[in-house]
Amino acid sequence: MSTSKMSGISKRAPKTRAGKKYLENREAKLVENDKQVLFMFGSPCSSVIKSIFGDLAAITKPHSKKLDRKKTFRPFEDTEPVEYLSKANDASLFFFGSHIKKRPHNMIIGRCFNHQVLDMVELGVEQWKLLSDFKVEANALGSKPLMMFAGDAFDTDSTFMTLKSLLADVFKGTIVNTISLIGLDHVIKFLALPGVDGKPGKVLMRHYRIVMKKSGTRVPNIELLEIGPRLDMVLRRVRQPAGELMKNAMNKPVKGKPRKRKNIETNVLGDTVARIHMRPQDYSKMQTRKVKALKKKPIKKAKAAVEGTGRSTKKAKTDAVADE
């Protein structure tokens, strides 16, 4: 059987239109599809992690998927099962939860590129409060959140920088050009607490609902109501991306790069400014309008006529013009 040039799980040529469309959707694109988040449970896994994953899946809907069957692998020791499930479910982001005596209430946040694990961060949940514990209306399905990363460690520490990139990928949702003010209905805040005296660092997650109230002006009054989940997590292990794999992940295709146009620039305000090169112009040869005001008056001839005849200047000028 002939093989297909399309990349996907099956290497066989599609027999139906639906199969062809399915494989085309998995091909590499200049503008990628919305990233899917895969939630997996290890064996054993605590009920706390299951409840937390349920809340996180509700926040990231409709770009989330849960696998109920428990897995026996460990992502930090063997990444092959994670890569297989990522390819089978077409998900580039994943959460893996487990619970053992050495690492209680453990969860791993990871990211894949080209169906290969790029980076992972392991967190331990120390304190938690679920969505059901807050008697406040949750955010709308599919709404985009405002994300806040507080703490200098998110910009200076390599582990926190990797975690920040992962969290932004997980919760950003669909990429849009414009958004309605009403659509901004919740805020997700992450606070970085670096480790002190050999203790590991911590990350605090808070989730708020935005309530807009009348203010008498066009700008409404904003109030924040916590809706959960509320998580206090400690950093455990981290796997930084490999150099060559990270280089390939950051590489941009030539077709996607904007074409450089000569002598055309964009200023700070976003206006397009063009530079035009022209040859020197000879203004003496430029044709002007033939009007009476632009004609040269024979003043010298008029003066000579006045001096010779003694007539009035006005009459002499009139006669001189008539002679011309």
Protein backbone atom coordinates (compact mmCIF):
# COMPACT_ATOMS: atom_id res chain seq x y z
CA MET A 1 0.00 0.00 0.00
CA SER A 2 1.34 3.44 -0.85
CA THR A 3 2.39 5.65 1.98
CA SER A 4 1.08 9.14 2.53
CA LYS A 5 3.27 12.23 2.62
CA MET A 6 1.17 13.59 5.45
CA SER A 7 2.43 13.37 9.00
CA GLY A 8 0.14 11.68 11.52
CA ILE A 9 -0.40 8.53 13.52
CA SER A 10 -1.18 6.37 10.50
CA LYS A 11 1.25 6.24 7.59
CA ARG A 12 -1.34 4.73 5.26
CA ALA A 13 -2.93 6.82 2.55
CA PRO A 14 -6.43 7.98 3.57
CA LYS A 15 -9.33 6.29 1.79
CA THR A 16 -12.04 8.79 2.68
CA ARG A 17 -12.37 12.54 2.62
CA ALA A 18 -12.82 12.63 6.39
CA GLY A 19 -9.58 10.68 6.85
CA LYS A 20 -7.69 13.04 4.55
CA LYS A 21 -9.04 16.06 6.39
CA TYR A 22 -8.09 14.50 9.73
CA LEU A 23 -4.47 13.98 8.61
CA GLU A 24 -4.25 17.44 7.04
CA ASN A 25 -5.33 18.95 10.35
CA ARG A 26 -2.31 17.31 12.00
CA GLU A 27 0.21 18.58 9.48
CA ALA A 28 2.69 21.31 10.37
CA LYS A 29 1.20 24.77 9.75
CA LEU A 30 2.42 28.34 9.71
CA VAL A 31 -0.34 29.17 12.21
CA GLU A 32 -0.71 26.19 14.52
CA ASN A 33 -3.98 24.93 15.97
CA ASP A 34 -5.00 25.74 19.52
CA LYS A 35 -2.89 23.72 21.94
CA GLN A 36 -4.68 20.85 23.65
CA VAL A 37 -4.03 20.01 27.32
CA LEU A 38 -3.99 16.34 28.32
CA PHE A 39 -4.69 15.33 31.95
CA MET A 40 -3.32 11.94 33.02
CA PHE A 41 -3.42 10.11 36.34
CA GLY A 42 -0.66 7.87 37.63
CA SER A 43 -0.97 4.80 39.77
CA PRO A 44 -1.41 5.56 42.61
CA CYS A 45 -3.02 9.01 42.48
CA SER A 46 -4.70 10.90 45.33
CA SER A 47 -8.25 12.17 45.23
CA VAL A 48 -6.88 15.68 45.83
CA ILE A 49 -4.96 15.65 42.54
CA LYS A 50 -8.01 14.25 40.73
CA SER A 51 -10.18 17.10 42.04
CA ILE A 52 -7.54 19.72 41.18
CA PHE A 53 -7.19 18.34 37.65
CA GLY A 54 -10.96 18.48 37.28
CA ASP A 55 -10.94 22.18 38.16
CA LEU A 56 -7.99 22.94 35.86
CA ALA A 57 -9.70 21.07 33.02
CA ALA A 58 -12.82 23.17 33.57
CA ILE A 59 -10.78 26.38 33.30
CA THR A 60 -9.02 25.28 30.09
CA LYS A 61 -12.13 23.94 28.32
CA PRO A 62 -12.73 23.32 25.43
CA HIS A 63 -8.99 22.68 24.92
CA SER A 64 -8.63 19.99 27.59
CA LYS A 65 -9.02 16.23 27.73
CA LYS A 66 -8.87 13.83 30.68
CA LEU A 67 -7.75 10.21 30.51
CA ASP A 68 -9.53 8.34 33.30
CA ARG A 69 -7.48 5.14 33.09
CA LYS A 70 -4.51 5.19 35.46
CA LYS A 71 -0.98 4.99 34.05
CA THR A 72 1.94 3.17 35.64
CA PHE A 73 4.83 5.06 34.01
CA ARG A 74 6.91 7.93 35.40
CA PRO A 75 7.55 10.81 32.97
CA PHE A 76 10.92 11.87 34.46
CA GLU A 77 12.31 8.33 34.13
CA ASP A 78 10.70 7.37 30.80
CA THR A 79 9.16 9.88 28.37
CA GLU A 80 8.15 7.40 25.66
CA PRO A 81 4.62 6.68 27.04
CA VAL A 82 3.94 10.41 27.38
CA GLU A 83 5.07 11.03 23.81
CA TYR A 84 2.86 8.21 22.53
CA LEU A 85 -0.24 9.54 24.31
CA SER A 86 0.55 13.08 23.21
CA LYS A 87 0.68 11.92 19.58
CA ALA A 88 -2.43 9.76 19.88
CA ASN A 89 -4.51 12.57 21.39
CA ASP A 90 -2.91 15.41 19.40
CA ALA A 91 -2.02 17.27 22.62
CA SER A 92 1.19 19.26 23.04
CA LEU A 93 0.64 20.08 26.75
CA PHE A 94 0.07 17.60 29.55
CA PHE A 95 -0.50 17.26 33.29
CA PHE A 96 0.48 14.07 35.09
CA GLY A 97 -0.68 13.44 38.67
CA SER A 98 0.61 10.90 41.18
CA HIS A 99 0.86 10.34 44.93
CA ILE A 100 3.61 8.47 46.78
CA LYS A 101 5.11 8.80 50.23
CA LYS A 102 8.24 10.52 48.94
CA ARG A 103 6.29 12.97 46.74
CA PRO A 104 2.72 13.39 48.04
CA HIS A 105 0.09 15.15 45.89
CA ASN A 106 2.54 15.37 43.01
CA MET A 107 1.80 16.85 39.60
CA ILE A 108 3.96 17.36 36.52
CA ILE A 109 3.38 20.07 33.92
CA GLY A 110 5.03 19.34 30.58
CA ARG A 111 5.17 20.40 26.96
CA CYS A 112 5.92 18.50 23.75
CA PHE A 113 7.33 19.59 20.42
CA ASN A 114 6.99 17.36 17.37
CA HIS A 115 5.67 14.63 19.72
CA GLN A 116 8.85 14.79 21.83
CA VAL A 117 8.96 15.99 25.44
CA LEU A 118 10.48 19.48 25.43
CA ASP A 119 10.44 20.47 29.11
CA MET A 120 8.74 19.51 32.39
CA VAL A 121 8.33 20.96 35.87
CA GLU A 122 7.29 18.90 38.89
CA LEU A 123 5.22 20.55 41.63
CA GLY A 124 3.89 19.36 44.97
CA VAL A 125 0.54 20.66 46.20
CA GLU A 126 0.81 21.64 49.88
CA GLN A 127 -2.44 23.58 50.39
CA TRP A 128 -5.51 23.70 48.21
CA LYS A 129 -9.06 24.96 47.94
CA LEU A 130 -11.29 23.80 45.09
CA LEU A 131 -13.89 25.50 42.91
CA SER A 132 -16.69 23.88 44.89
CA ASP A 133 -15.43 25.53 48.09
CA PHE A 134 -16.22 29.01 46.74
CA LYS A 135 -19.86 29.98 46.44
CA VAL A 136 -19.22 32.27 43.48
CA GLU A 137 -20.24 31.90 39.85
CA ALA A 138 -17.38 30.51 37.74
CA ASN A 139 -16.03 31.98 34.52
CA ALA A 140 -17.75 31.43 31.19
CA LEU A 141 -16.75 28.46 29.05
CA GLY A 142 -13.94 29.31 26.62
CA SER A 143 -13.33 32.82 27.95
CA LYS A 144 -9.76 34.12 27.90
CA PRO A 145 -8.17 34.99 31.25
CA LEU A 146 -6.02 37.91 32.28
CA MET A 147 -2.75 36.40 33.54
CA MET A 148 -0.50 37.99 36.14
CA PHE A 149 2.98 36.77 37.10
CA ALA A 150 4.24 38.46 40.27
CA GLY A 151 7.77 38.06 41.56
CA ASP A 152 11.23 38.80 40.18
CA ALA A 153 12.05 35.08 40.08
CA PHE A 154 9.85 34.69 36.98
CA ASP A 155 12.37 36.87 35.09
CA THR A 156 15.66 35.85 36.74
CA ASP A 157 15.51 32.19 37.83
CA SER A 158 15.68 29.58 35.02
CA THR A 159 13.29 27.16 36.76
CA PHE A 160 10.65 29.83 37.36
CA MET A 161 11.10 31.12 33.79
CA THR A 162 10.39 27.63 32.41
CA LEU A 163 7.36 27.32 34.68
CA LYS A 164 6.07 30.72 33.58
CA SER A 165 6.31 29.73 29.92
CA LEU A 166 4.46 26.47 30.62
CA LEU A 167 1.66 28.13 32.58
CA ALA A 168 1.20 30.81 29.91
CA ASP A 169 0.88 28.10 27.26
CA VAL A 170 -1.65 26.13 29.31
CA PHE A 171 -4.06 28.93 30.22
CA LYS A 172 -3.81 31.37 27.29
CA GLY A 173 -6.53 29.63 25.27
CA THR A 174 -7.37 30.66 21.72
CA ILE A 175 -5.19 33.34 20.10
CA VAL A 176 -7.38 36.27 19.00
CA ASN A 177 -6.72 39.69 17.47
CA THR A 178 -9.47 41.57 19.31
CA ILE A 179 -11.51 40.85 22.41
CA SER A 180 -14.61 42.35 23.97
CA LEU A 181 -14.36 43.94 27.40
CA ILE A 182 -17.25 41.76 28.55
CA GLY A 183 -15.27 38.67 27.56
CA LEU A 184 -12.61 39.39 30.18
CA ASP A 185 -14.34 37.80 33.14
CA HIS A 186 -11.54 36.18 35.20
CA VAL A 187 -7.94 36.69 36.33
CA ILE A 188 -5.31 34.04 37.09
CA LYS A 189 -2.45 35.20 39.30
CA PHE A 190 0.81 33.36 40.00
CA LEU A 191 3.18 34.48 42.74
CA ALA A 192 6.80 33.25 42.79
CA LEU A 193 8.47 32.75 46.18
CA PRO A 194 12.17 31.82 45.76
CA GLY A 195 13.69 29.28 48.13
CA VAL A 196 15.62 30.47 51.21
CA ASP A 197 18.34 28.60 53.16
CA GLY A 198 18.30 25.58 50.87
CA LYS A 199 14.52 25.26 50.88
CA PRO A 200 12.78 24.87 47.50
CA GLY A 201 10.84 27.72 45.99
CA LYS A 202 7.07 27.95 45.95
CA VAL A 203 4.38 29.07 43.52
CA LEU A 204 1.00 30.37 44.66
CA MET A 205 -1.98 30.28 42.29
CA ARG A 206 -5.07 32.43 42.77
CA HIS A 207 -8.12 32.63 40.51
CA TYR A 208 -10.53 35.61 40.58
CA ARG A 209 -13.74 36.52 38.82
CA ILE A 210 -14.04 40.07 37.42
CA VAL A 211 -17.26 41.82 38.42
CA MET A 212 -18.10 45.06 36.58
CA LYS A 213 -20.39 47.47 38.41
CA LYS A 214 -21.91 50.77 37.39
CA SER A 215 -19.84 53.86 38.14
CA GLY A 216 -21.85 56.62 36.46
CA THR A 217 -19.20 56.93 33.73
CA ARG A 218 -18.16 54.88 30.71
CA VAL A 219 -15.50 53.11 32.78
CA PRO A 220 -17.08 50.57 35.17
CA ASN A 221 -15.96 49.85 38.71
CA ILE A 222 -14.00 46.58 38.90
CA GLU A 223 -14.20 44.11 41.78
CA LEU A 224 -12.37 40.79 42.12
CA LEU A 225 -14.03 37.78 43.74
CA GLU A 226 -11.97 34.65 44.37
CA ILE A 227 -13.51 31.62 42.69
CA GLY A 228 -10.73 29.01 43.01
CA PRO A 229 -8.91 26.82 42.71
CA ARG A 230 -6.45 28.20 45.25
CA LEU A 231 -3.15 26.27 45.19
CA ASP A 232 0.09 26.57 47.15
CA MET A 233 2.72 24.50 45.35
CA VAL A 234 6.37 23.73 46.01
CA LEU A 235 8.95 23.22 43.26
CA ARG A 236 10.48 19.76 43.07
CA ARG A 237 12.15 18.64 39.86
CA VAL A 238 12.62 20.35 36.51
CA ARG A 239 13.72 19.17 33.10
CA GLN A 240 15.07 21.96 30.92
CA PRO A 241 14.67 21.70 27.13
CA ALA A 242 17.54 20.17 25.16
CA GLY A 243 19.57 22.63 23.11
CA GLU A 244 18.94 21.17 19.65
CA LEU A 245 15.26 20.44 20.31
CA MET A 246 14.71 23.92 21.71
CA LYS A 247 16.44 25.44 18.67
CA ASN A 248 14.08 23.55 16.35
CA ALA A 249 11.06 24.57 18.44
CA MET A 250 12.00 28.25 18.25
CA ASN A 251 12.78 28.16 14.54
CA LYS A 252 10.35 30.12 12.36
CA PRO A 253 9.59 29.00 8.79
CA VAL A 254 10.70 31.27 5.96
CA LYS A 255 7.12 31.61 4.67
CA GLY A 256 5.95 32.93 8.01
CA LYS A 257 8.56 35.69 8.24
CA PRO A 258 7.46 39.14 7.05
CA ARG A 259 9.07 40.15 3.77
CA LYS A 260 11.52 43.02 4.13
CA ARG A 261 10.69 45.96 1.90
CA LYS A 262 13.38 48.43 0.92
CA ASN A 263 13.17 52.00 2.27
CA ILE A 264 9.96 51.23 4.22
CA GLU A 265 10.02 51.36 8.01
CA THR A 266 7.57 51.36 10.90
CA ASN A 267 8.03 54.00 13.58
CA VAL A 268 7.33 53.77 17.30
CA LEU A 269 3.68 54.74 16.85
CA GLY A 270 3.11 51.96 14.33
CA ASP A 271 2.90 54.24 11.28
CA THR A 272 4.51 53.15 8.02
CA VAL A 273 7.18 55.58 6.83
CA ALA A 274 8.65 55.36 3.29
CA ARG A 275 11.76 57.03 1.90
CA ILE A 276 11.67 58.23 -1.74
CA HIS A 277 14.88 58.99 -3.68
CA MET A 278 14.53 61.59 -6.48
CA ARG A 279 16.96 63.29 -8.87
CA PRO A 280 17.83 67.00 -8.34
CA GLN A 281 15.23 69.22 -10.00
CA ASP A 282 15.95 72.37 -12.06
CA TYR A 283 13.28 74.84 -10.98
CA SER A 284 14.30 77.36 -13.67
CA LYS A 285 12.90 75.05 -16.36
CA MET A 286 9.67 74.42 -14.51
CA GLN A 287 6.60 75.60 -16.42
CA THR A 288 4.38 77.97 -14.44
CA ARG A 289 0.89 79.24 -15.17
CA LYS A 290 0.75 81.96 -17.81
CA VAL A 291 -0.98 84.68 -15.84
CA LYS A 292 -0.48 88.40 -15.97
CA ALA A 293 0.79 88.60 -12.39
CA LEU A 294 3.76 86.33 -13.20
CA LYS A 295 4.87 88.27 -16.29
CA LYS A 296 7.89 90.57 -16.07
CA LYS A 297 6.92 94.24 -16.32
CA PRO A 298 9.12 96.52 -18.55
CA ILE A 299 9.88 99.03 -15.79
CA LYS A 300 13.17 100.25 -17.32
CA LYS A 301 11.53 101.16 -20.62
CA ALA A 302 8.79 103.05 -18.82
CA LYS A 303 11.32 105.08 -16.83
CA ALA A 304 13.24 106.03 -20.00
CA ALA A 305 10.05 107.20 -21.67
CA VAL A 306 9.19 109.41 -18.68
CA GLU A 307 12.60 111.05 -18.62
CA GLY A 308 12.58 111.75 -22.38
CA THR A 309 9.07 113.15 -22.82
CA GLY A 310 8.20 114.46 -19.37
CA ARG A 311 4.84 112.67 -19.38
CA SER A 312 3.27 111.20 -16.28
CA THR A 313 4.67 107.89 -15.06
CA LYS A 314 1.32 106.12 -15.25
CA LYS A 315 0.73 107.17 -18.85
CA ALA A 316 4.30 106.33 -19.82
CA LYS A 317 3.98 102.81 -18.43
CA THR A 318 0.74 102.36 -20.35
CA ASP A 319 2.37 103.46 -23.58
CA ALA A 320 5.38 101.22 -22.99
CA VAL A 321 3.19 98.21 -22.51
CA ALA A 322 1.24 99.13 -25.63
CA ASP A 323 4.47 99.38 -27.64
CA GLU A 324 5.44 95.90 -26.53
